[in-house]
Amino acid sequence: MSRIELNLVPTHPDRVGGLGFLATTSYAFVPLLMAHGALFAGNLANQIFHAGATLTQFRLEILLLVILMVILVVGPLLVFAPQLSRARRTGLREYGTVAQRYVRDFDAKWVRGKGSADEPILGTGDIQSLADLGNSFSIIQEMRMVPVTKHAMFQLAAATLAPSYRCCSP
């Protein structure tokens, strides 16, 4: 799958070249994560209620379980990282070249006064085009290398922790 040549668009608003829809696929794993969380919570409850342990004694184990479960779901999406990285580098280079040329022309025309003297700056599309180009370049700079959001990872972690919280909280 990592060898499929994707037509990634570095200026796509989802900030992953058009692969943003893949972030929603992680929600299909919520039942699996909750099941693992429930198994873990049962083990914790047994040790808390019968062996006199406290929940705080299991902080490291809980953290490791959450990290492992999130990596299990998000890890396969790492196959897209090389192509996303390449698309970002190419986009920065290409849009950087266009931006450099546009900014020089803009500067020469409006700042240095080499444009037509009778052309009013008010109402011109040049400034808006400059802003649009800047926004496109910013989107490329903010590209993520994995098509998953922080919100999705937080929800996966919460799904893993939910059974432990329900069963072992005071």
N, C-alpha and C. Protein backbone atom coordinates (compact mmCIF):
# COMPACT_ATOMS: atom_id res chain seq x y z
N MET A 1 0.82 -1.19 0.00
CA MET A 1 0.00 0.00 0.00
C MET A 1 0.86 1.26 0.00
N SER A 2 2.02 1.20 0.64
CA SER A 2 2.88 2.37 0.70
C SER A 2 3.48 2.70 -0.67
N ARG A 3 3.40 1.78 -1.62
CA ARG A 3 3.97 2.01 -2.95
C ARG A 3 2.95 2.58 -3.93
N ILE A 4 1.71 2.71 -3.52
CA ILE A 4 0.71 3.31 -4.40
C ILE A 4 1.06 4.79 -4.56
N GLU A 5 1.15 5.23 -5.80
CA GLU A 5 1.46 6.64 -6.05
C GLU A 5 0.18 7.46 -5.85
N LEU A 6 0.13 8.20 -4.80
CA LEU A 6 -1.03 9.03 -4.50
C LEU A 6 -0.86 10.41 -5.13
N ASN A 7 -1.95 10.99 -5.53
CA ASN A 7 -1.93 12.35 -6.07
C ASN A 7 -2.29 13.30 -4.94
N LEU A 8 -1.35 13.52 -4.04
CA LEU A 8 -1.58 14.36 -2.88
C LEU A 8 -1.49 15.83 -3.26
N VAL A 9 -2.40 16.61 -2.71
CA VAL A 9 -2.43 18.05 -2.98
C VAL A 9 -1.97 18.75 -1.70
N PRO A 10 -0.77 19.32 -1.70
CA PRO A 10 -0.24 19.88 -0.47
C PRO A 10 -1.05 21.05 0.10
N THR A 11 -1.84 21.71 -0.72
CA THR A 11 -2.65 22.83 -0.23
C THR A 11 -4.05 22.42 0.19
N HIS A 12 -4.31 21.12 0.26
CA HIS A 12 -5.65 20.67 0.66
C HIS A 12 -5.92 21.15 2.09
N PRO A 13 -7.12 21.69 2.34
CA PRO A 13 -7.42 22.25 3.67
C PRO A 13 -7.37 21.25 4.82
N ASP A 14 -7.43 19.94 4.55
CA ASP A 14 -7.37 18.98 5.65
C ASP A 14 -5.96 18.82 6.23
N ARG A 15 -4.99 19.44 5.59
CA ARG A 15 -3.59 19.47 6.00
C ARG A 15 -2.91 18.11 5.98
N VAL A 16 -3.48 17.18 5.22
CA VAL A 16 -2.84 15.89 4.96
C VAL A 16 -2.99 15.51 3.49
N GLY A 17 -2.93 16.51 2.64
CA GLY A 17 -2.91 16.28 1.20
C GLY A 17 -4.17 15.69 0.61
N GLY A 18 -5.25 15.66 1.34
CA GLY A 18 -6.50 15.07 0.85
C GLY A 18 -6.80 13.73 1.49
N LEU A 19 -5.96 13.29 2.42
CA LEU A 19 -6.18 12.00 3.11
C LEU A 19 -6.88 12.16 4.46
N GLY A 20 -7.44 13.31 4.73
CA GLY A 20 -8.08 13.58 6.02
C GLY A 20 -9.22 12.63 6.36
N PHE A 21 -9.86 12.10 5.34
CA PHE A 21 -10.96 11.17 5.58
C PHE A 21 -10.50 9.91 6.31
N LEU A 22 -9.21 9.59 6.22
CA LEU A 22 -8.69 8.39 6.88
C LEU A 22 -8.71 8.52 8.40
N ALA A 23 -8.75 9.74 8.91
CA ALA A 23 -8.79 9.94 10.36
C ALA A 23 -10.06 9.36 10.96
N THR A 24 -11.13 9.36 10.19
CA THR A 24 -12.39 8.84 10.71
C THR A 24 -12.42 7.31 10.77
N THR A 25 -11.52 6.66 10.06
CA THR A 25 -11.50 5.19 10.08
C THR A 25 -11.11 4.66 11.46
N SER A 26 -10.40 5.47 12.23
CA SER A 26 -9.96 5.02 13.56
C SER A 26 -11.14 4.78 14.50
N TYR A 27 -12.25 5.45 14.25
CA TYR A 27 -13.41 5.27 15.13
C TYR A 27 -14.01 3.87 15.03
N ALA A 28 -13.72 3.17 13.97
CA ALA A 28 -14.20 1.79 13.83
C ALA A 28 -13.56 0.87 14.86
N PHE A 29 -12.44 1.29 15.42
CA PHE A 29 -11.72 0.47 16.39
C PHE A 29 -12.14 0.74 17.83
N VAL A 30 -13.05 1.66 18.04
CA VAL A 30 -13.48 2.00 19.40
C VAL A 30 -14.00 0.77 20.16
N PRO A 31 -14.86 -0.08 19.57
CA PRO A 31 -15.30 -1.27 20.33
C PRO A 31 -14.14 -2.18 20.75
N LEU A 32 -13.17 -2.34 19.89
CA LEU A 32 -12.00 -3.16 20.22
C LEU A 32 -11.22 -2.54 21.38
N LEU A 33 -11.03 -1.23 21.34
CA LEU A 33 -10.30 -0.56 22.42
C LEU A 33 -11.08 -0.63 23.73
N MET A 34 -12.38 -0.49 23.65
CA MET A 34 -13.19 -0.60 24.87
C MET A 34 -13.13 -2.02 25.43
N ALA A 35 -13.09 -3.01 24.56
CA ALA A 35 -12.98 -4.40 25.02
C ALA A 35 -11.65 -4.62 25.73
N HIS A 36 -10.58 -4.12 25.17
CA HIS A 36 -9.28 -4.23 25.84
C HIS A 36 -9.28 -3.47 27.15
N GLY A 37 -9.91 -2.30 27.14
CA GLY A 37 -10.02 -1.52 28.37
C GLY A 37 -10.82 -2.26 29.44
N ALA A 38 -11.88 -2.95 29.02
CA ALA A 38 -12.70 -3.70 29.97
C ALA A 38 -11.93 -4.88 30.56
N LEU A 39 -11.17 -5.57 29.72
CA LEU A 39 -10.35 -6.67 30.24
C LEU A 39 -9.33 -6.16 31.26
N PHE A 40 -8.71 -5.05 30.92
CA PHE A 40 -7.73 -4.46 31.82
C PHE A 40 -8.39 -3.97 33.11
N ALA A 41 -9.58 -3.36 32.97
CA ALA A 41 -10.30 -2.87 34.14
C ALA A 41 -10.70 -4.02 35.06
N GLY A 42 -11.07 -5.14 34.47
CA GLY A 42 -11.41 -6.31 35.29
C GLY A 42 -10.21 -6.79 36.09
N ASN A 43 -9.07 -6.82 35.49
CA ASN A 43 -7.85 -7.21 36.19
C ASN A 43 -7.53 -6.20 37.30
N LEU A 44 -7.67 -4.92 37.01
CA LEU A 44 -7.43 -3.89 38.03
C LEU A 44 -8.42 -4.03 39.18
N ALA A 45 -9.69 -4.22 38.85
CA ALA A 45 -10.72 -4.33 39.88
C ALA A 45 -10.44 -5.52 40.79
N ASN A 46 -10.02 -6.63 40.21
CA ASN A 46 -9.69 -7.81 41.00
C ASN A 46 -8.57 -7.49 42.00
N GLN A 47 -7.54 -6.82 41.51
CA GLN A 47 -6.41 -6.50 42.39
C GLN A 47 -6.77 -5.43 43.42
N ILE A 48 -7.63 -4.50 43.06
CA ILE A 48 -8.04 -3.45 43.99
C ILE A 48 -8.96 -3.99 45.07
N PHE A 49 -9.98 -4.76 44.67
CA PHE A 49 -10.98 -5.22 45.62
C PHE A 49 -10.54 -6.43 46.45
N HIS A 50 -9.65 -7.26 45.88
CA HIS A 50 -9.28 -8.49 46.58
C HIS A 50 -7.86 -8.50 47.12
N ALA A 51 -6.98 -7.72 46.53
CA ALA A 51 -5.58 -7.74 46.98
C ALA A 51 -5.20 -6.46 47.71
N GLY A 52 -6.12 -5.51 47.83
CA GLY A 52 -5.86 -4.28 48.57
C GLY A 52 -5.02 -3.26 47.82
N ALA A 53 -4.87 -3.41 46.53
CA ALA A 53 -4.09 -2.44 45.76
C ALA A 53 -4.91 -1.17 45.56
N THR A 54 -4.23 -0.11 45.17
CA THR A 54 -4.93 1.14 44.86
C THR A 54 -4.77 1.45 43.37
N LEU A 55 -5.69 2.22 42.87
CA LEU A 55 -5.67 2.55 41.44
C LEU A 55 -4.40 3.31 41.06
N THR A 56 -3.92 4.16 41.94
CA THR A 56 -2.73 4.94 41.62
C THR A 56 -1.48 4.08 41.44
N GLN A 57 -1.49 2.88 41.97
CA GLN A 57 -0.35 1.98 41.79
C GLN A 57 -0.20 1.52 40.33
N PHE A 58 -1.24 1.67 39.55
CA PHE A 58 -1.26 1.16 38.18
C PHE A 58 -1.15 2.27 37.13
N ARG A 59 -0.66 3.43 37.55
CA ARG A 59 -0.56 4.56 36.60
C ARG A 59 0.27 4.21 35.36
N LEU A 60 1.41 3.60 35.57
CA LEU A 60 2.29 3.27 34.46
C LEU A 60 1.63 2.25 33.53
N GLU A 61 1.02 1.23 34.11
CA GLU A 61 0.36 0.21 33.30
C GLU A 61 -0.79 0.80 32.48
N ILE A 62 -1.55 1.69 33.12
CA ILE A 62 -2.67 2.33 32.41
C ILE A 62 -2.15 3.18 31.27
N LEU A 63 -1.11 3.96 31.53
CA LEU A 63 -0.51 4.79 30.49
C LEU A 63 0.01 3.95 29.33
N LEU A 64 0.70 2.87 29.65
CA LEU A 64 1.24 1.99 28.61
C LEU A 64 0.13 1.35 27.77
N LEU A 65 -0.95 0.95 28.43
CA LEU A 65 -2.08 0.36 27.70
C LEU A 65 -2.66 1.37 26.72
N VAL A 66 -2.87 2.59 27.18
CA VAL A 66 -3.45 3.62 26.31
C VAL A 66 -2.52 3.89 25.12
N ILE A 67 -1.23 4.05 25.39
CA ILE A 67 -0.27 4.31 24.31
C ILE A 67 -0.25 3.15 23.33
N LEU A 68 -0.22 1.95 23.83
CA LEU A 68 -0.18 0.77 22.97
C LEU A 68 -1.44 0.67 22.10
N MET A 69 -2.59 0.91 22.68
CA MET A 69 -3.84 0.80 21.92
C MET A 69 -3.94 1.89 20.84
N VAL A 70 -3.51 3.10 21.18
CA VAL A 70 -3.56 4.18 20.19
C VAL A 70 -2.57 3.88 19.05
N ILE A 71 -1.39 3.39 19.39
CA ILE A 71 -0.40 3.04 18.36
C ILE A 71 -0.92 1.90 17.49
N LEU A 72 -1.62 0.96 18.11
CA LEU A 72 -2.19 -0.16 17.35
C LEU A 72 -3.15 0.32 16.27
N VAL A 73 -3.91 1.35 16.57
CA VAL A 73 -4.89 1.86 15.62
C VAL A 73 -4.26 2.85 14.64
N VAL A 74 -3.42 3.74 15.15
CA VAL A 74 -2.85 4.80 14.33
C VAL A 74 -1.63 4.32 13.54
N GLY A 75 -0.93 3.34 14.06
CA GLY A 75 0.30 2.85 13.44
C GLY A 75 0.19 2.52 11.96
N PRO A 76 -0.83 1.80 11.52
CA PRO A 76 -0.93 1.49 10.09
C PRO A 76 -1.01 2.72 9.18
N LEU A 77 -1.48 3.83 9.73
CA LEU A 77 -1.57 5.05 8.92
C LEU A 77 -0.20 5.67 8.67
N LEU A 78 0.82 5.17 9.35
CA LEU A 78 2.18 5.66 9.13
C LEU A 78 2.71 5.31 7.74
N VAL A 79 2.06 4.37 7.05
CA VAL A 79 2.52 4.02 5.70
C VAL A 79 2.42 5.22 4.75
N PHE A 80 1.59 6.19 5.09
CA PHE A 80 1.43 7.36 4.25
C PHE A 80 2.45 8.45 4.55
N ALA A 81 3.19 8.32 5.63
CA ALA A 81 4.13 9.36 6.06
C ALA A 81 5.18 9.70 5.00
N PRO A 82 5.82 8.74 4.34
CA PRO A 82 6.82 9.12 3.34
C PRO A 82 6.24 9.94 2.19
N GLN A 83 5.06 9.55 1.70
CA GLN A 83 4.47 10.30 0.60
C GLN A 83 3.98 11.67 1.04
N LEU A 84 3.45 11.75 2.27
CA LEU A 84 3.03 13.05 2.79
C LEU A 84 4.24 13.97 2.98
N SER A 85 5.32 13.41 3.47
CA SER A 85 6.55 14.19 3.65
C SER A 85 7.07 14.68 2.31
N ARG A 86 7.06 13.82 1.32
CA ARG A 86 7.51 14.20 -0.02
C ARG A 86 6.61 15.28 -0.60
N ALA A 87 5.30 15.14 -0.42
CA ALA A 87 4.35 16.13 -0.94
C ALA A 87 4.57 17.48 -0.26
N ARG A 88 4.86 17.45 1.02
CA ARG A 88 5.13 18.70 1.76
C ARG A 88 6.39 19.38 1.25
N ARG A 89 7.45 18.61 1.11
CA ARG A 89 8.71 19.19 0.61
C ARG A 89 8.54 19.75 -0.79
N THR A 90 7.89 18.99 -1.67
CA THR A 90 7.66 19.45 -3.04
C THR A 90 6.78 20.69 -3.04
N GLY A 91 5.71 20.67 -2.25
CA GLY A 91 4.81 21.82 -2.17
C GLY A 91 5.51 23.07 -1.67
N LEU A 92 6.34 22.92 -0.64
CA LEU A 92 7.08 24.07 -0.12
C LEU A 92 8.03 24.63 -1.18
N ARG A 93 8.67 23.74 -1.91
CA ARG A 93 9.59 24.19 -2.95
C ARG A 93 8.83 24.89 -4.08
N GLU A 94 7.77 24.25 -4.58
CA GLU A 94 7.05 24.81 -5.72
C GLU A 94 6.30 26.09 -5.36
N TYR A 95 5.58 26.07 -4.25
CA TYR A 95 4.84 27.26 -3.85
C TYR A 95 5.79 28.35 -3.37
N GLY A 96 6.94 27.96 -2.82
CA GLY A 96 7.95 28.94 -2.44
C GLY A 96 8.49 29.67 -3.64
N THR A 97 8.68 28.96 -4.75
CA THR A 97 9.17 29.57 -5.99
C THR A 97 8.13 30.55 -6.53
N VAL A 98 6.87 30.11 -6.58
CA VAL A 98 5.79 30.98 -7.06
C VAL A 98 5.66 32.20 -6.14
N ALA A 99 5.71 31.96 -4.83
CA ALA A 99 5.58 33.06 -3.87
C ALA A 99 6.72 34.06 -4.03
N GLN A 100 7.92 33.58 -4.21
CA GLN A 100 9.07 34.47 -4.38
C GLN A 100 8.89 35.36 -5.60
N ARG A 101 8.47 34.75 -6.70
CA ARG A 101 8.26 35.53 -7.93
C ARG A 101 7.13 36.54 -7.75
N TYR A 102 6.03 36.12 -7.12
CA TYR A 102 4.88 37.01 -6.93
C TYR A 102 5.22 38.16 -5.99
N VAL A 103 5.91 37.85 -4.90
CA VAL A 103 6.25 38.88 -3.92
C VAL A 103 7.20 39.90 -4.54
N ARG A 104 8.15 39.45 -5.34
CA ARG A 104 9.06 40.40 -6.00
C ARG A 104 8.29 41.31 -6.95
N ASP A 105 7.38 40.73 -7.73
CA ASP A 105 6.58 41.56 -8.65
C ASP A 105 5.68 42.51 -7.88
N PHE A 106 5.06 42.04 -6.81
CA PHE A 106 4.20 42.88 -5.97
C PHE A 106 5.01 44.03 -5.38
N ASP A 107 6.17 43.70 -4.85
CA ASP A 107 7.03 44.71 -4.24
C ASP A 107 7.44 45.75 -5.28
N ALA A 108 7.84 45.28 -6.45
CA ALA A 108 8.25 46.21 -7.50
C ALA A 108 7.10 47.11 -7.93
N LYS A 109 5.91 46.55 -8.04
CA LYS A 109 4.76 47.32 -8.53
C LYS A 109 4.23 48.29 -7.48
N TRP A 110 4.01 47.81 -6.24
CA TRP A 110 3.30 48.62 -5.27
C TRP A 110 4.19 49.33 -4.26
N VAL A 111 5.32 48.74 -3.92
CA VAL A 111 6.18 49.36 -2.91
C VAL A 111 7.23 50.26 -3.57
N ARG A 112 7.86 49.77 -4.60
CA ARG A 112 8.93 50.51 -5.27
C ARG A 112 8.39 51.48 -6.33
N GLY A 113 7.09 51.35 -6.65
CA GLY A 113 6.47 52.30 -7.57
C GLY A 113 6.79 52.10 -9.03
N LYS A 114 7.13 50.87 -9.42
CA LYS A 114 7.48 50.62 -10.82
C LYS A 114 6.26 50.23 -11.66
N GLY A 115 5.10 50.22 -11.03
CA GLY A 115 3.88 49.91 -11.78
C GLY A 115 3.31 51.18 -12.39
N SER A 116 2.16 51.06 -12.98
CA SER A 116 1.48 52.20 -13.58
C SER A 116 1.08 53.19 -12.50
N ALA A 117 1.41 54.44 -12.68
CA ALA A 117 1.14 55.47 -11.67
C ALA A 117 -0.34 55.77 -11.55
N ASP A 118 -1.10 55.54 -12.60
CA ASP A 118 -2.52 55.87 -12.55
C ASP A 118 -3.39 54.70 -12.05
N GLU A 119 -2.78 53.55 -11.74
CA GLU A 119 -3.54 52.41 -11.23
C GLU A 119 -3.73 52.55 -9.72
N PRO A 120 -4.98 52.63 -9.26
CA PRO A 120 -5.21 52.78 -7.81
C PRO A 120 -5.01 51.45 -7.08
N ILE A 121 -4.43 51.52 -5.90
CA ILE A 121 -4.22 50.31 -5.09
C ILE A 121 -5.55 49.80 -4.54
N LEU A 122 -6.47 50.72 -4.29
CA LEU A 122 -7.79 50.34 -3.80
C LEU A 122 -8.55 49.59 -4.89
N GLY A 123 -9.07 48.46 -4.55
CA GLY A 123 -9.86 47.67 -5.50
C GLY A 123 -9.05 46.70 -6.33
N THR A 124 -7.75 46.71 -6.17
CA THR A 124 -6.93 45.77 -6.94
C THR A 124 -6.98 44.38 -6.29
N GLY A 125 -6.85 43.35 -7.10
CA GLY A 125 -6.85 41.98 -6.59
C GLY A 125 -5.47 41.52 -6.15
N ASP A 126 -4.46 42.36 -6.37
CA ASP A 126 -3.09 41.96 -6.06
C ASP A 126 -2.90 41.63 -4.58
N ILE A 127 -3.47 42.45 -3.72
CA ILE A 127 -3.28 42.24 -2.28
C ILE A 127 -3.99 40.96 -1.83
N GLN A 128 -5.20 40.73 -2.35
CA GLN A 128 -5.92 39.51 -2.00
C GLN A 128 -5.17 38.28 -2.52
N SER A 129 -4.62 38.37 -3.71
CA SER A 129 -3.85 37.26 -4.26
C SER A 129 -2.63 36.98 -3.41
N LEU A 130 -1.98 38.03 -2.92
CA LEU A 130 -0.83 37.86 -2.04
C LEU A 130 -1.24 37.15 -0.75
N ALA A 131 -2.38 37.54 -0.18
CA ALA A 131 -2.88 36.90 1.04
C ALA A 131 -3.25 35.44 0.78
N ASP A 132 -3.88 35.17 -0.36
CA ASP A 132 -4.26 33.80 -0.70
C ASP A 132 -3.02 32.92 -0.88
N LEU A 133 -2.00 33.46 -1.51
CA LEU A 133 -0.76 32.72 -1.68
C LEU A 133 -0.12 32.43 -0.33
N GLY A 134 -0.16 33.41 0.57
CA GLY A 134 0.38 33.21 1.92
C GLY A 134 -0.38 32.14 2.68
N ASN A 135 -1.70 32.12 2.53
CA ASN A 135 -2.51 31.09 3.19
C ASN A 135 -2.19 29.70 2.64
N SER A 136 -2.03 29.60 1.33
CA SER A 136 -1.68 28.31 0.73
C SER A 136 -0.34 27.82 1.25
N PHE A 137 0.62 28.72 1.34
CA PHE A 137 1.94 28.35 1.83
C PHE A 137 1.86 27.91 3.30
N SER A 138 1.04 28.59 4.10
CA SER A 138 0.86 28.22 5.51
C SER A 138 0.26 26.83 5.65
N ILE A 139 -0.70 26.51 4.81
CA ILE A 139 -1.32 25.18 4.85
C ILE A 139 -0.28 24.10 4.59
N ILE A 140 0.60 24.35 3.62
CA ILE A 140 1.65 23.36 3.32
C ILE A 140 2.59 23.22 4.51
N GLN A 141 2.96 24.34 5.14
CA GLN A 141 3.85 24.28 6.30
C GLN A 141 3.23 23.50 7.46
N GLU A 142 1.91 23.52 7.57
CA GLU A 142 1.22 22.86 8.68
C GLU A 142 0.81 21.42 8.37
N MET A 143 1.25 20.88 7.23
CA MET A 143 0.88 19.51 6.87
C MET A 143 1.33 18.53 7.94
N ARG A 144 0.45 17.58 8.24
CA ARG A 144 0.78 16.51 9.19
C ARG A 144 1.31 15.31 8.40
N MET A 145 2.13 14.52 9.04
CA MET A 145 2.72 13.37 8.36
C MET A 145 1.91 12.10 8.56
N VAL A 146 0.90 12.16 9.40
CA VAL A 146 0.01 11.02 9.63
C VAL A 146 -1.42 11.53 9.50
N PRO A 147 -2.26 10.87 8.70
CA PRO A 147 -3.62 11.36 8.50
C PRO A 147 -4.55 11.02 9.67
N VAL A 148 -4.23 11.56 10.82
CA VAL A 148 -5.09 11.39 12.00
C VAL A 148 -5.00 12.68 12.81
N THR A 149 -6.08 13.04 13.46
CA THR A 149 -6.11 14.28 14.24
C THR A 149 -5.84 13.99 15.71
N LYS A 150 -5.47 15.02 16.43
CA LYS A 150 -5.27 14.90 17.88
C LYS A 150 -6.60 14.53 18.54
N HIS A 151 -7.68 15.09 18.01
CA HIS A 151 -9.00 14.79 18.56
C HIS A 151 -9.33 13.30 18.44
N ALA A 152 -9.01 12.70 17.31
CA ALA A 152 -9.27 11.27 17.12
C ALA A 152 -8.42 10.45 18.08
N MET A 153 -7.16 10.82 18.27
CA MET A 153 -6.30 10.07 19.21
C MET A 153 -6.81 10.22 20.63
N PHE A 154 -7.29 11.41 20.98
CA PHE A 154 -7.87 11.62 22.31
C PHE A 154 -9.09 10.73 22.51
N GLN A 155 -9.94 10.64 21.50
CA GLN A 155 -11.13 9.80 21.62
C GLN A 155 -10.77 8.32 21.71
N LEU A 156 -9.73 7.90 21.01
CA LEU A 156 -9.28 6.51 21.13
C LEU A 156 -8.76 6.23 22.54
N ALA A 157 -8.01 7.15 23.08
CA ALA A 157 -7.50 7.00 24.45
C ALA A 157 -8.66 6.96 25.44
N ALA A 158 -9.64 7.83 25.24
CA ALA A 158 -10.80 7.86 26.14
C ALA A 158 -11.59 6.55 26.07
N ALA A 159 -11.72 6.00 24.88
CA ALA A 159 -12.44 4.73 24.72
C ALA A 159 -11.71 3.61 25.45
N THR A 160 -10.39 3.66 25.45
CA THR A 160 -9.60 2.64 26.16
C THR A 160 -9.74 2.80 27.66
N LEU A 161 -9.78 4.04 28.13
CA LEU A 161 -9.84 4.31 29.57
C LEU A 161 -11.24 4.22 30.16
N ALA A 162 -12.26 4.37 29.37
CA ALA A 162 -13.63 4.43 29.87
C ALA A 162 -13.99 3.26 30.79
N PRO A 163 -13.72 2.02 30.44
CA PRO A 163 -14.08 0.92 31.34
C PRO A 163 -13.33 0.96 32.67
N SER A 164 -12.06 1.39 32.65
CA SER A 164 -11.29 1.47 33.90
C SER A 164 -11.85 2.53 34.81
N TYR A 165 -12.25 3.66 34.23
CA TYR A 165 -12.81 4.74 35.03
C TYR A 165 -14.12 4.31 35.65
N ARG A 166 -14.93 3.66 34.87
CA ARG A 166 -16.28 3.24 35.32
C ARG A 166 -16.16 2.19 36.45
N CYS A 167 -15.23 1.30 36.32
CA CYS A 167 -15.17 0.18 37.27
C CYS A 167 -14.33 0.50 38.51
N CYS A 168 -13.29 1.30 38.36
CA CYS A 168 -12.33 1.42 39.44
C CYS A 168 -12.29 2.78 40.10
N SER A 169 -13.14 3.72 39.70
CA SER A 169 -13.11 5.04 40.33
C SER A 169 -13.96 4.99 41.62
N PRO A 170 -13.58 5.82 42.57
CA PRO A 170 -14.29 5.80 43.86
C PRO A 170 -15.69 6.36 43.78
